[in-house]
Amino acid sequence: MTNPKSVVILGAGAWGSALATVATANDHQVRLWSRRGSETLAAVLEGADIILSAVSMKGVRDVISQVQSLPFSQEIIFVTATKGLDLQTTCTPSQIWQEAFPKNPVVVLSGPNLSQEIQQELPAATVVASSITSAAEVVQLVFSSNRFRVYTNADPLGVELGGTLKNVIAIAAGVCDGLQLGTNAKAALVTRGLTEMVRIGVHWGAKPETFYGLSGLGDLLATCNSPLSRNYQVGYQLACGKTLTEILAHLQGTAEGINTAEVLMVRSKQQNISMPITEQLYRLLQGEITPRQALEELMLRDIKPEYNY
């Protein structure tokens, strides 16, 4: 490594720890910060070149306010690896970071990256996206290895939404498997789920082709087919008769798809976007309908063309 960077990772959960492992293996100076730890944020951030946020969505604004209270350079690159949406504003994490630090480059990191597999050094790929190409390329170099292939992308909003929206579909996929609906049903759900993600993303201002890449389709396939996905587990256990309260009481980490579904329903009403899968999943999470009723609602919708051009 000819140009080692000082990398600070905010959030010492499974995802933050996995990314810390990757950067450390590349001989960068990595410091991992937790809100529950004893080290102060000011001490950890001193001399940082890159600040990567891997905190849950509900912790983003609090962490940002703490960082804002400290002196920092406009050369620092902020990277957000959070997959979620702000309930109050419907903003993405990168939008919140960019608003707080308008003069600093902000990079989105997202892809089919189940934390446990990254920690086991199994092969994986991800995407780093920014409106500032040079910033994305710096982050690409920091995390790229023979076990972790990193691509750049010029559509940060699309990359971020791909990793966020798929969490909702992953819960639905868990329901599908929990109800033992079969391979045909799962394939139909994931395919129509991707169509819904593209529709929402384009309304938001993202490029449609981004959703067919690693952060969209790639992440969708990973989380809809792996018991390692917390969102998948929520859906699976709902289908097996557990209540959401029971599931969350024993869930390690955050299933961001629950909050995302609620935010999307707000967005749907504001902009009149058709989100049939998200709508039924939201009603299921609210306890308004059963998994079987959600299935019936989707199967009995009016027939239509596959694509409306």
C-alpha atoms as a PDB file:
ATOM      1  CA  MET A   1       0.000   0.000   0.000  1.00  0.00           C
ATOM      2  CA  THR A   2       1.727   3.132  -1.247  1.00  0.00           C
ATOM      3  CA  ASN A   3      -0.796   5.601   0.146  1.00  0.00           C
ATOM      4  CA  PRO A   4      -2.337   4.296   3.364  1.00  0.00           C
ATOM      5  CA  LYS A   5      -5.366   6.195   4.644  1.00  0.00           C
ATOM      6  CA  SER A   6      -6.650   6.927   8.106  1.00  0.00           C
ATOM      7  CA  VAL A   7     -10.132   5.418   8.122  1.00  0.00           C
ATOM      8  CA  VAL A   8     -12.650   5.909  10.922  1.00  0.00           C
ATOM      9  CA  ILE A   9     -15.705   3.640  10.945  1.00  0.00           C
ATOM     10  CA  LEU A  10     -18.655   4.882  12.988  1.00  0.00           C
ATOM     11  CA  GLY A  11     -20.715   1.936  14.170  1.00  0.00           C
ATOM     12  CA  ALA A  12     -19.166  -1.235  15.585  1.00  0.00           C
ATOM     13  CA  GLY A  13     -21.981  -3.587  14.639  1.00  0.00           C
ATOM     14  CA  ALA A  14     -21.589  -6.519  12.257  1.00  0.00           C
ATOM     15  CA  TRP A  15     -21.485  -4.336   9.115  1.00  0.00           C
ATOM     16  CA  GLY A  16     -19.071  -1.742  10.471  1.00  0.00           C
ATOM     17  CA  SER A  17     -16.809  -4.455  11.864  1.00  0.00           C
ATOM     18  CA  ALA A  18     -16.804  -6.309   8.530  1.00  0.00           C
ATOM     19  CA  LEU A  19     -15.776  -3.169   6.648  1.00  0.00           C
ATOM     20  CA  ALA A  20     -13.103  -2.473   9.257  1.00  0.00           C
ATOM     21  CA  THR A  21     -11.693  -5.953   8.652  1.00  0.00           C
ATOM     22  CA  VAL A  22     -11.489  -5.316   4.887  1.00  0.00           C
ATOM     23  CA  ALA A  23      -9.731  -1.937   5.210  1.00  0.00           C
ATOM     24  CA  THR A  24      -7.340  -3.253   7.879  1.00  0.00           C
ATOM     25  CA  ALA A  25      -6.337  -6.156   5.635  1.00  0.00           C
ATOM     26  CA  ASN A  26      -5.356  -3.533   3.037  1.00  0.00           C
ATOM     27  CA  ASP A  27      -2.921  -1.992   5.558  1.00  0.00           C
ATOM     28  CA  HIS A  28      -4.908   1.167   6.226  1.00  0.00           C
ATOM     29  CA  GLN A  29      -5.018   2.687   9.697  1.00  0.00           C
ATOM     30  CA  VAL A  30      -8.530   1.822  10.865  1.00  0.00           C
ATOM     31  CA  ARG A  31     -10.302   3.001  13.996  1.00  0.00           C
ATOM     32  CA  LEU A  32     -13.690   1.619  14.920  1.00  0.00           C
ATOM     33  CA  TRP A  33     -15.980   3.788  17.047  1.00  0.00           C
ATOM     34  CA  SER A  34     -19.045   2.715  18.998  1.00  0.00           C
ATOM     35  CA  ARG A  35     -21.472   4.904  20.902  1.00  0.00           C
ATOM     36  CA  ARG A  36     -21.170   2.399  23.742  1.00  0.00           C
ATOM     37  CA  GLY A  37     -17.366   2.514  23.762  1.00  0.00           C
ATOM     38  CA  SER A  38     -15.101   4.459  26.084  1.00  0.00           C
ATOM     39  CA  GLU A  39     -13.142   6.386  23.437  1.00  0.00           C
ATOM     40  CA  THR A  40     -14.381   9.861  22.574  1.00  0.00           C
ATOM     41  CA  LEU A  41     -15.432  10.678  19.032  1.00  0.00           C
ATOM     42  CA  ALA A  42     -13.043  13.647  18.974  1.00  0.00           C
ATOM     43  CA  ALA A  43     -10.075  11.387  19.731  1.00  0.00           C
ATOM     44  CA  VAL A  44     -11.076   8.817  17.126  1.00  0.00           C
ATOM     45  CA  LEU A  45     -11.621  11.357  14.341  1.00  0.00           C
ATOM     46  CA  GLU A  46      -8.304  13.148  14.783  1.00  0.00           C
ATOM     47  CA  GLY A  47      -6.328  12.953  11.535  1.00  0.00           C
ATOM     48  CA  ALA A  48      -9.015  11.021   9.652  1.00  0.00           C
ATOM     49  CA  ASP A  49      -8.950  10.938   5.842  1.00  0.00           C
ATOM     50  CA  ILE A  50     -12.173   8.953   5.492  1.00  0.00           C
ATOM     51  CA  ILE A  51     -15.138   8.794   7.877  1.00  0.00           C
ATOM     52  CA  LEU A  52     -17.449   5.873   7.141  1.00  0.00           C
ATOM     53  CA  SER A  53     -20.851   5.701   8.812  1.00  0.00           C
ATOM     54  CA  ALA A  54     -22.247   2.217   9.382  1.00  0.00           C
ATOM     55  CA  VAL A  55     -24.748   3.151  12.089  1.00  0.00           C
ATOM     56  CA  SER A  56     -28.423   2.213  11.833  1.00  0.00           C
ATOM     57  CA  MET A  57     -30.799   4.722  10.249  1.00  0.00           C
ATOM     58  CA  LYS A  58     -32.199   5.854  13.579  1.00  0.00           C
ATOM     59  CA  GLY A  59     -28.706   6.808  14.751  1.00  0.00           C
ATOM     60  CA  VAL A  60     -27.597   8.773  11.686  1.00  0.00           C
ATOM     61  CA  ARG A  61     -28.730  12.250  12.729  1.00  0.00           C
ATOM     62  CA  ASP A  62     -27.328  11.887  16.233  1.00  0.00           C
ATOM     63  CA  VAL A  63     -23.924  10.830  14.921  1.00  0.00           C
ATOM     64  CA  ILE A  64     -23.922  13.663  12.381  1.00  0.00           C
ATOM     65  CA  SER A  65     -24.659  16.236  15.085  1.00  0.00           C
ATOM     66  CA  GLN A  66     -21.727  14.907  17.135  1.00  0.00           C
ATOM     67  CA  VAL A  67     -19.365  15.081  14.156  1.00  0.00           C
ATOM     68  CA  GLN A  68     -20.561  18.615  13.316  1.00  0.00           C
ATOM     69  CA  SER A  69     -19.590  19.807  16.777  1.00  0.00           C
ATOM     70  CA  LEU A  70     -15.945  18.944  16.071  1.00  0.00           C
ATOM     71  CA  PRO A  71     -13.360  20.693  13.874  1.00  0.00           C
ATOM     72  CA  PHE A  72     -12.852  18.866  10.584  1.00  0.00           C
ATOM     73  CA  SER A  73     -11.221  19.342   7.202  1.00  0.00           C
ATOM     74  CA  GLN A  74     -13.146  19.844   3.960  1.00  0.00           C
ATOM     75  CA  GLU A  75     -10.776  17.261   2.471  1.00  0.00           C
ATOM     76  CA  ILE A  76     -12.336  14.465   4.540  1.00  0.00           C
ATOM     77  CA  ILE A  77     -14.394  12.007   2.505  1.00  0.00           C
ATOM     78  CA  PHE A  78     -17.617  10.885   4.151  1.00  0.00           C
ATOM     79  CA  VAL A  79     -18.838   7.405   3.255  1.00  0.00           C
ATOM     80  CA  THR A  80     -22.302   6.189   4.181  1.00  0.00           C
ATOM     81  CA  ALA A  81     -22.999   2.458   4.372  1.00  0.00           C
ATOM     82  CA  THR A  82     -26.404   2.788   6.040  1.00  0.00           C
ATOM     83  CA  LYS A  83     -29.386   1.263   4.229  1.00  0.00           C
ATOM     84  CA  GLY A  84     -32.536   3.101   5.265  1.00  0.00           C
ATOM     85  CA  LEU A  85     -34.708   6.211   4.970  1.00  0.00           C
ATOM     86  CA  ASP A  86     -35.435   9.022   7.411  1.00  0.00           C
ATOM     87  CA  LEU A  87     -38.999   8.727   8.688  1.00  0.00           C
ATOM     88  CA  GLN A  88     -39.504  12.477   9.174  1.00  0.00           C
ATOM     89  CA  THR A  89     -38.108  13.747   5.867  1.00  0.00           C
ATOM     90  CA  THR A  90     -37.965  10.583   3.666  1.00  0.00           C
ATOM     91  CA  CYS A  91     -34.345  11.574   2.920  1.00  0.00           C
ATOM     92  CA  THR A  92     -31.610   9.022   2.288  1.00  0.00           C
ATOM     93  CA  PRO A  93     -28.546   8.871   4.584  1.00  0.00           C
ATOM     94  CA  SER A  94     -26.249  10.437   1.962  1.00  0.00           C
ATOM     95  CA  GLN A  95     -28.661  13.347   1.526  1.00  0.00           C
ATOM     96  CA  ILE A  96     -28.568  13.957   5.264  1.00  0.00           C
ATOM     97  CA  TRP A  97     -24.747  13.762   5.359  1.00  0.00           C
ATOM     98  CA  GLN A  98     -24.405  16.061   2.346  1.00  0.00           C
ATOM     99  CA  GLU A  99     -26.764  18.618   3.861  1.00  0.00           C
ATOM    100  CA  ALA A 100     -24.695  18.631   7.047  1.00  0.00           C
ATOM    101  CA  PHE A 101     -21.349  18.807   5.222  1.00  0.00           C
ATOM    102  CA  PRO A 102     -22.078  20.557   1.889  1.00  0.00           C
ATOM    103  CA  LYS A 103     -18.414  21.171   1.041  1.00  0.00           C
ATOM    104  CA  ASN A 104     -17.201  17.610   1.666  1.00  0.00           C
ATOM    105  CA  PRO A 105     -17.453  14.725  -0.815  1.00  0.00           C
ATOM    106  CA  VAL A 106     -19.981  12.062   0.173  1.00  0.00           C
ATOM    107  CA  VAL A 107     -19.728   8.496  -1.120  1.00  0.00           C
ATOM    108  CA  VAL A 108     -22.367   5.743  -0.898  1.00  0.00           C
ATOM    109  CA  LEU A 109     -21.214   2.151  -0.319  1.00  0.00           C
ATOM    110  CA  SER A 110     -23.766  -0.573  -1.027  1.00  0.00           C
ATOM    111  CA  GLY A 111     -24.034  -4.053  -2.489  1.00  0.00           C
ATOM    112  CA  PRO A 112     -24.791  -7.730  -1.812  1.00  0.00           C
ATOM    113  CA  ASN A 113     -22.656  -7.794   1.319  1.00  0.00           C
ATOM    114  CA  LEU A 114     -23.904 -10.055   4.090  1.00  0.00           C
ATOM    115  CA  SER A 115     -21.653  -9.126   7.013  1.00  0.00           C
ATOM    116  CA  GLN A 116     -20.996 -12.660   8.227  1.00  0.00           C
ATOM    117  CA  GLU A 117     -19.727 -13.757   4.827  1.00  0.00           C
ATOM    118  CA  ILE A 118     -17.460 -10.693   4.558  1.00  0.00           C
ATOM    119  CA  GLN A 119     -15.970 -11.528   7.961  1.00  0.00           C
ATOM    120  CA  GLN A 120     -15.322 -15.080   6.742  1.00  0.00           C
ATOM    121  CA  GLU A 121     -13.436 -13.597   3.769  1.00  0.00           C
ATOM    122  CA  LEU A 122     -15.762 -15.210   1.247  1.00  0.00           C
ATOM    123  CA  PRO A 123     -15.649 -13.517  -2.201  1.00  0.00           C
ATOM    124  CA  ALA A 124     -17.950 -10.517  -2.586  1.00  0.00           C
ATOM    125  CA  ALA A 125     -18.414  -7.343  -4.614  1.00  0.00           C
ATOM    126  CA  THR A 126     -19.817  -3.920  -3.817  1.00  0.00           C
ATOM    127  CA  VAL A 127     -20.350  -0.460  -5.306  1.00  0.00           C
ATOM    128  CA  VAL A 128     -19.089   2.952  -4.209  1.00  0.00           C
ATOM    129  CA  ALA A 129     -20.971   5.856  -5.771  1.00  0.00           C
ATOM    130  CA  SER A 130     -20.540   9.612  -5.701  1.00  0.00           C
ATOM    131  CA  SER A 131     -21.137  12.687  -7.815  1.00  0.00           C
ATOM    132  CA  ILE A 132     -17.411  13.305  -7.307  1.00  0.00           C
ATOM    133  CA  THR A 133     -15.618  10.571  -9.240  1.00  0.00           C
ATOM    134  CA  SER A 134     -12.253  11.080  -7.566  1.00  0.00           C
ATOM    135  CA  ALA A 135     -13.762  10.549  -4.106  1.00  0.00           C
ATOM    136  CA  ALA A 136     -15.387   7.291  -5.188  1.00  0.00           C
ATOM    137  CA  GLU A 137     -12.061   6.141  -6.653  1.00  0.00           C
ATOM    138  CA  VAL A 138     -10.230   6.835  -3.381  1.00  0.00           C
ATOM    139  CA  VAL A 139     -12.761   4.753  -1.448  1.00  0.00           C
ATOM    140  CA  GLN A 140     -12.578   2.053  -4.127  1.00  0.00           C
ATOM    141  CA  LEU A 141      -8.829   1.706  -3.554  1.00  0.00           C
ATOM    142  CA  VAL A 142      -9.205   1.585   0.222  1.00  0.00           C
ATOM    143  CA  PHE A 143     -11.586  -1.394   0.194  1.00  0.00           C
ATOM    144  CA  SER A 144     -10.640  -3.329  -2.960  1.00  0.00           C
ATOM    145  CA  SER A 145      -8.938  -6.709  -2.487  1.00  0.00           C
ATOM    146  CA  ASN A 146      -8.802 -10.179  -3.991  1.00  0.00           C
ATOM    147  CA  ARG A 147     -11.760 -11.088  -1.768  1.00  0.00           C
ATOM    148  CA  PHE A 148     -13.744  -7.846  -2.045  1.00  0.00           C
ATOM    149  CA  ARG A 149     -14.194  -6.396  -5.524  1.00  0.00           C
ATOM    150  CA  VAL A 150     -15.279  -2.736  -5.529  1.00  0.00           C
ATOM    151  CA  TYR A 151     -16.880  -0.972  -8.500  1.00  0.00           C
ATOM    152  CA  THR A 152     -17.504   2.770  -8.874  1.00  0.00           C
ATOM    153  CA  ASN A 153     -20.789   4.313  -9.994  1.00  0.00           C
ATOM    154  CA  ALA A 154     -21.895   7.871 -10.803  1.00  0.00           C
ATOM    155  CA  ASP A 155     -25.482   7.437  -9.514  1.00  0.00           C
ATOM    156  CA  PRO A 156     -25.223   7.649  -5.705  1.00  0.00           C
ATOM    157  CA  LEU A 157     -28.979   8.035  -5.237  1.00  0.00           C
ATOM    158  CA  GLY A 158     -29.726   4.905  -7.274  1.00  0.00           C
ATOM    159  CA  VAL A 159     -27.035   2.882  -5.513  1.00  0.00           C
ATOM    160  CA  GLU A 160     -28.338   3.990  -2.133  1.00  0.00           C
ATOM    161  CA  LEU A 161     -31.982   3.319  -2.962  1.00  0.00           C
ATOM    162  CA  GLY A 162     -31.130  -0.097  -4.386  1.00  0.00           C
ATOM    163  CA  GLY A 163     -29.651  -1.172  -1.073  1.00  0.00           C
ATOM    164  CA  THR A 164     -32.520   0.389   0.848  1.00  0.00           C
ATOM    165  CA  LEU A 165     -35.604  -0.647  -1.119  1.00  0.00           C
ATOM    166  CA  LYS A 166     -34.557  -4.294  -1.405  1.00  0.00           C
ATOM    167  CA  ASN A 167     -34.968  -4.662   2.376  1.00  0.00           C
ATOM    168  CA  VAL A 168     -38.738  -4.375   1.979  1.00  0.00           C
ATOM    169  CA  ILE A 169     -38.789  -7.066  -0.711  1.00  0.00           C
ATOM    170  CA  ALA A 170     -36.504  -9.240   1.439  1.00  0.00           C
ATOM    171  CA  ILE A 171     -39.105  -9.264   4.225  1.00  0.00           C
ATOM    172  CA  ALA A 172     -41.727 -10.297   1.668  1.00  0.00           C
ATOM    173  CA  ALA A 173     -39.387 -13.041   0.399  1.00  0.00           C
ATOM    174  CA  GLY A 174     -39.060 -14.355   3.938  1.00  0.00           C
ATOM    175  CA  VAL A 175     -42.849 -14.485   4.170  1.00  0.00           C
ATOM    176  CA  CYS A 176     -42.945 -16.364   0.866  1.00  0.00           C
ATOM    177  CA  ASP A 177     -40.529 -19.017   2.128  1.00  0.00           C
ATOM    178  CA  GLY A 178     -42.175 -19.178   5.546  1.00  0.00           C
ATOM    179  CA  LEU A 179     -45.513 -19.952   3.887  1.00  0.00           C
ATOM    180  CA  GLN A 180     -43.747 -22.551   1.669  1.00  0.00           C
ATOM    181  CA  LEU A 181     -45.216 -21.033  -1.489  1.00  0.00           C
ATOM    182  CA  GLY A 182     -42.606 -22.581  -3.773  1.00  0.00           C
ATOM    183  CA  THR A 183     -39.985 -21.510  -6.294  1.00  0.00           C
ATOM    184  CA  ASN A 184     -42.420 -20.080  -8.860  1.00  0.00           C
ATOM    185  CA  ALA A 185     -43.949 -17.728  -6.299  1.00  0.00           C
ATOM    186  CA  LYS A 186     -40.538 -16.634  -4.995  1.00  0.00           C
ATOM    187  CA  ALA A 187     -39.285 -15.901  -8.515  1.00  0.00           C
ATOM    188  CA  ALA A 188     -42.412 -13.891  -9.315  1.00  0.00           C
ATOM    189  CA  LEU A 189     -42.161 -11.936  -6.060  1.00  0.00           C
ATOM    190  CA  VAL A 190     -38.487 -11.013  -6.513  1.00  0.00           C
ATOM    191  CA  THR A 191     -39.010 -10.046 -10.175  1.00  0.00           C
ATOM    192  CA  ARG A 192     -42.049  -7.888  -9.494  1.00  0.00           C
ATOM    193  CA  GLY A 193     -40.260  -6.531  -6.429  1.00  0.00           C
ATOM    194  CA  LEU A 194     -37.416  -5.341  -8.640  1.00  0.00           C
ATOM    195  CA  THR A 195     -39.945  -3.676 -10.964  1.00  0.00           C
ATOM    196  CA  GLU A 196     -41.390  -1.873  -7.949  1.00  0.00           C
ATOM    197  CA  MET A 197     -37.913  -0.786  -6.827  1.00  0.00           C
ATOM    198  CA  VAL A 198     -37.180   0.659 -10.272  1.00  0.00           C
ATOM    199  CA  ARG A 199     -40.522   2.493 -10.358  1.00  0.00           C
ATOM    200  CA  ILE A 200     -39.899   4.063  -6.944  1.00  0.00           C
ATOM    201  CA  GLY A 201     -36.285   4.884  -7.748  1.00  0.00           C
ATOM    202  CA  VAL A 202     -37.083   6.620 -11.029  1.00  0.00           C
ATOM    203  CA  HIS A 203     -39.729   8.743  -9.275  1.00  0.00           C
ATOM    204  CA  TRP A 204     -37.020   9.648  -6.768  1.00  0.00           C
ATOM    205  CA  GLY A 205     -34.618  10.724  -9.512  1.00  0.00           C
ATOM    206  CA  ALA A 206     -32.351   7.673  -9.796  1.00  0.00           C
ATOM    207  CA  LYS A 207     -31.256   6.022 -13.044  1.00  0.00           C
ATOM    208  CA  PRO A 208     -33.237   2.848 -13.853  1.00  0.00           C
ATOM    209  CA  GLU A 209     -30.169   0.905 -15.003  1.00  0.00           C
ATOM    210  CA  THR A 210     -28.566   1.254 -11.571  1.00  0.00           C
ATOM    211  CA  PHE A 211     -31.171  -1.107 -10.113  1.00  0.00           C
ATOM    212  CA  TYR A 212     -30.006  -3.914 -12.395  1.00  0.00           C
ATOM    213  CA  GLY A 213     -26.522  -3.736 -10.905  1.00  0.00           C
ATOM    214  CA  LEU A 214     -24.917  -4.963  -7.702  1.00  0.00           C
ATOM    215  CA  SER A 215     -26.641  -2.530  -5.341  1.00  0.00           C
ATOM    216  CA  GLY A 216     -30.081  -3.309  -6.779  1.00  0.00           C
ATOM    217  CA  LEU A 217     -30.571  -6.758  -8.271  1.00  0.00           C
ATOM    218  CA  GLY A 218     -27.400  -8.088  -6.644  1.00  0.00           C
ATOM    219  CA  ASP A 219     -28.370  -7.042  -3.135  1.00  0.00           C
ATOM    220  CA  LEU A 220     -31.965  -8.111  -3.772  1.00  0.00           C
ATOM    221  CA  LEU A 221     -30.890 -11.662  -4.660  1.00  0.00           C
ATOM    222  CA  ALA A 222     -28.588 -11.907  -1.646  1.00  0.00           C
ATOM    223  CA  THR A 223     -31.078 -10.740   0.964  1.00  0.00           C
ATOM    224  CA  CYS A 224     -34.107 -12.526  -0.504  1.00  0.00           C
ATOM    225  CA  ASN A 225     -32.344 -15.885  -0.418  1.00  0.00           C
ATOM    226  CA  SER A 226     -30.265 -15.903   2.752  1.00  0.00           C
ATOM    227  CA  PRO A 227     -31.306 -16.718   6.330  1.00  0.00           C
ATOM    228  CA  LEU A 228     -28.373 -14.448   7.309  1.00  0.00           C
ATOM    229  CA  SER A 229     -30.526 -11.459   6.266  1.00  0.00           C
ATOM    230  CA  ARG A 230     -32.336  -9.895   9.221  1.00  0.00           C
ATOM    231  CA  ASN A 231     -35.085  -8.604   6.945  1.00  0.00           C
ATOM    232  CA  TYR A 232     -35.642 -12.068   5.480  1.00  0.00           C
ATOM    233  CA  GLN A 233     -35.807 -13.496   9.000  1.00  0.00           C
ATOM    234  CA  VAL A 234     -38.510 -11.009  10.015  1.00  0.00           C
ATOM    235  CA  GLY A 235     -40.707 -12.102   7.107  1.00  0.00           C
ATOM    236  CA  TYR A 236     -40.031 -15.790   7.612  1.00  0.00           C
ATOM    237  CA  GLN A 237     -40.926 -15.674  11.288  1.00  0.00           C
ATOM    238  CA  LEU A 238     -44.060 -13.611  10.624  1.00  0.00           C
ATOM    239  CA  ALA A 239     -45.204 -16.332   8.234  1.00  0.00           C
ATOM    240  CA  CYS A 240     -44.522 -18.932  10.929  1.00  0.00           C
ATOM    241  CA  GLY A 241     -46.970 -17.215  13.280  1.00  0.00           C
ATOM    242  CA  LYS A 242     -44.749 -15.016  15.455  1.00  0.00           C
ATOM    243  CA  THR A 243     -45.714 -11.423  16.169  1.00  0.00           C
ATOM    244  CA  LEU A 244     -43.460  -8.568  15.091  1.00  0.00           C
ATOM    245  CA  THR A 245     -42.885  -7.663  18.749  1.00  0.00           C
ATOM    246  CA  GLU A 246     -41.693 -11.193  19.514  1.00  0.00           C
ATOM    247  CA  ILE A 247     -39.406 -11.244  16.490  1.00  0.00           C
ATOM    248  CA  LEU A 248     -37.763  -7.882  17.217  1.00  0.00           C
ATOM    249  CA  ALA A 249     -37.187  -8.822  20.851  1.00  0.00           C
ATOM    250  CA  HIS A 250     -34.802 -11.584  19.739  1.00  0.00           C
ATOM    251  CA  LEU A 251     -33.421 -10.070  16.536  1.00  0.00           C
ATOM    252  CA  GLN A 252     -29.716  -9.206  16.595  1.00  0.00           C
ATOM    253  CA  GLY A 253     -29.306  -5.865  14.865  1.00  0.00           C
ATOM    254  CA  THR A 254     -31.808  -3.778  12.915  1.00  0.00           C
ATOM    255  CA  ALA A 255     -34.148  -4.892  10.135  1.00  0.00           C
ATOM    256  CA  GLU A 256     -34.228  -1.598   8.240  1.00  0.00           C
ATOM    257  CA  GLY A 257     -36.982  -2.807   5.891  1.00  0.00           C
ATOM    258  CA  ILE A 258     -39.601  -2.267   8.607  1.00  0.00           C
ATOM    259  CA  ASN A 259     -38.928   1.464   8.867  1.00  0.00           C
ATOM    260  CA  THR A 260     -38.371   1.729   5.105  1.00  0.00           C
ATOM    261  CA  ALA A 261     -41.829   0.303   4.362  1.00  0.00           C
ATOM    262  CA  GLU A 262     -43.391   2.987   6.550  1.00  0.00           C
ATOM    263  CA  VAL A 263     -41.408   5.764   4.852  1.00  0.00           C
ATOM    264  CA  LEU A 264     -42.360   4.435   1.414  1.00  0.00           C
ATOM    265  CA  MET A 265     -46.051   4.534   2.259  1.00  0.00           C
ATOM    266  CA  VAL A 266     -45.670   8.216   3.125  1.00  0.00           C
ATOM    267  CA  ARG A 267     -43.876   8.759  -0.179  1.00  0.00           C
ATOM    268  CA  SER A 268     -46.519   6.754  -2.052  1.00  0.00           C
ATOM    269  CA  LYS A 269     -49.306   8.995  -0.783  1.00  0.00           C
ATOM    270  CA  GLN A 270     -47.340  12.170  -1.513  1.00  0.00           C
ATOM    271  CA  GLN A 271     -46.413  11.253  -5.086  1.00  0.00           C
ATOM    272  CA  ASN A 272     -49.070   8.687  -6.015  1.00  0.00           C
ATOM    273  CA  ILE A 273     -46.549   5.918  -6.754  1.00  0.00           C
ATOM    274  CA  SER A 274     -47.914   2.387  -7.159  1.00  0.00           C
ATOM    275  CA  MET A 275     -46.250   0.103  -4.581  1.00  0.00           C
ATOM    276  CA  PRO A 276     -48.481  -2.989  -4.266  1.00  0.00           C
ATOM    277  CA  ILE A 277     -45.898  -5.265  -2.610  1.00  0.00           C
ATOM    278  CA  THR A 278     -44.741  -2.557  -0.215  1.00  0.00           C
ATOM    279  CA  GLU A 279     -48.343  -1.664   0.640  1.00  0.00           C
ATOM    280  CA  GLN A 280     -49.336  -5.225   1.529  1.00  0.00           C
ATOM    281  CA  LEU A 281     -46.146  -5.762   3.484  1.00  0.00           C
ATOM    282  CA  TYR A 282     -46.731  -2.536   5.417  1.00  0.00           C
ATOM    283  CA  ARG A 283     -50.265  -3.666   6.305  1.00  0.00           C
ATOM    284  CA  LEU A 284     -48.842  -7.010   7.453  1.00  0.00           C
ATOM    285  CA  LEU A 285     -46.215  -5.301   9.630  1.00  0.00           C
ATOM    286  CA  GLN A 286     -48.953  -3.108  11.122  1.00  0.00           C
ATOM    287  CA  GLY A 287     -50.942  -6.218  12.043  1.00  0.00           C
ATOM    288  CA  GLU A 288     -53.858  -5.255   9.768  1.00  0.00           C
ATOM    289  CA  ILE A 289     -53.715  -8.468   7.725  1.00  0.00           C
ATOM    290  CA  THR A 290     -52.225 -11.967   7.923  1.00  0.00           C
ATOM    291  CA  PRO A 291     -49.493 -13.251   5.582  1.00  0.00           C
ATOM    292  CA  ARG A 292     -52.110 -15.311   3.714  1.00  0.00           C
ATOM    293  CA  GLN A 293     -54.342 -12.274   3.290  1.00  0.00           C
ATOM    294  CA  ALA A 294     -51.415 -10.258   1.929  1.00  0.00           C
ATOM    295  CA  LEU A 295     -50.793 -13.004  -0.617  1.00  0.00           C
ATOM    296  CA  GLU A 296     -54.443 -13.031  -1.708  1.00  0.00           C
ATOM    297  CA  GLU A 297     -54.489  -9.255  -2.100  1.00  0.00           C
ATOM    298  CA  LEU A 298     -51.486  -9.395  -4.442  1.00  0.00           C
ATOM    299  CA  MET A 299     -52.752 -12.349  -6.482  1.00  0.00           C
ATOM    300  CA  LEU A 300     -56.233 -10.872  -6.983  1.00  0.00           C
ATOM    301  CA  ARG A 301     -55.126  -7.468  -8.256  1.00  0.00           C
ATOM    302  CA  ASP A 302     -56.484  -6.363 -11.633  1.00  0.00           C
ATOM    303  CA  ILE A 303     -54.694  -7.984 -14.565  1.00  0.00           C
ATOM    304  CA  LYS A 304     -52.413  -5.677 -16.547  1.00  0.00           C
ATOM    305  CA  PRO A 305     -49.466  -5.575 -18.983  1.00  0.00           C
ATOM    306  CA  GLU A 306     -46.115  -6.555 -17.504  1.00  0.00           C
ATOM    307  CA  TYR A 307     -44.652  -3.166 -18.417  1.00  0.00           C
ATOM    308  CA  ASN A 308     -46.414   0.152 -18.893  1.00  0.00           C
ATOM    309  CA  TYR A 309     -44.247   2.180 -21.242  1.00  0.00           C
END
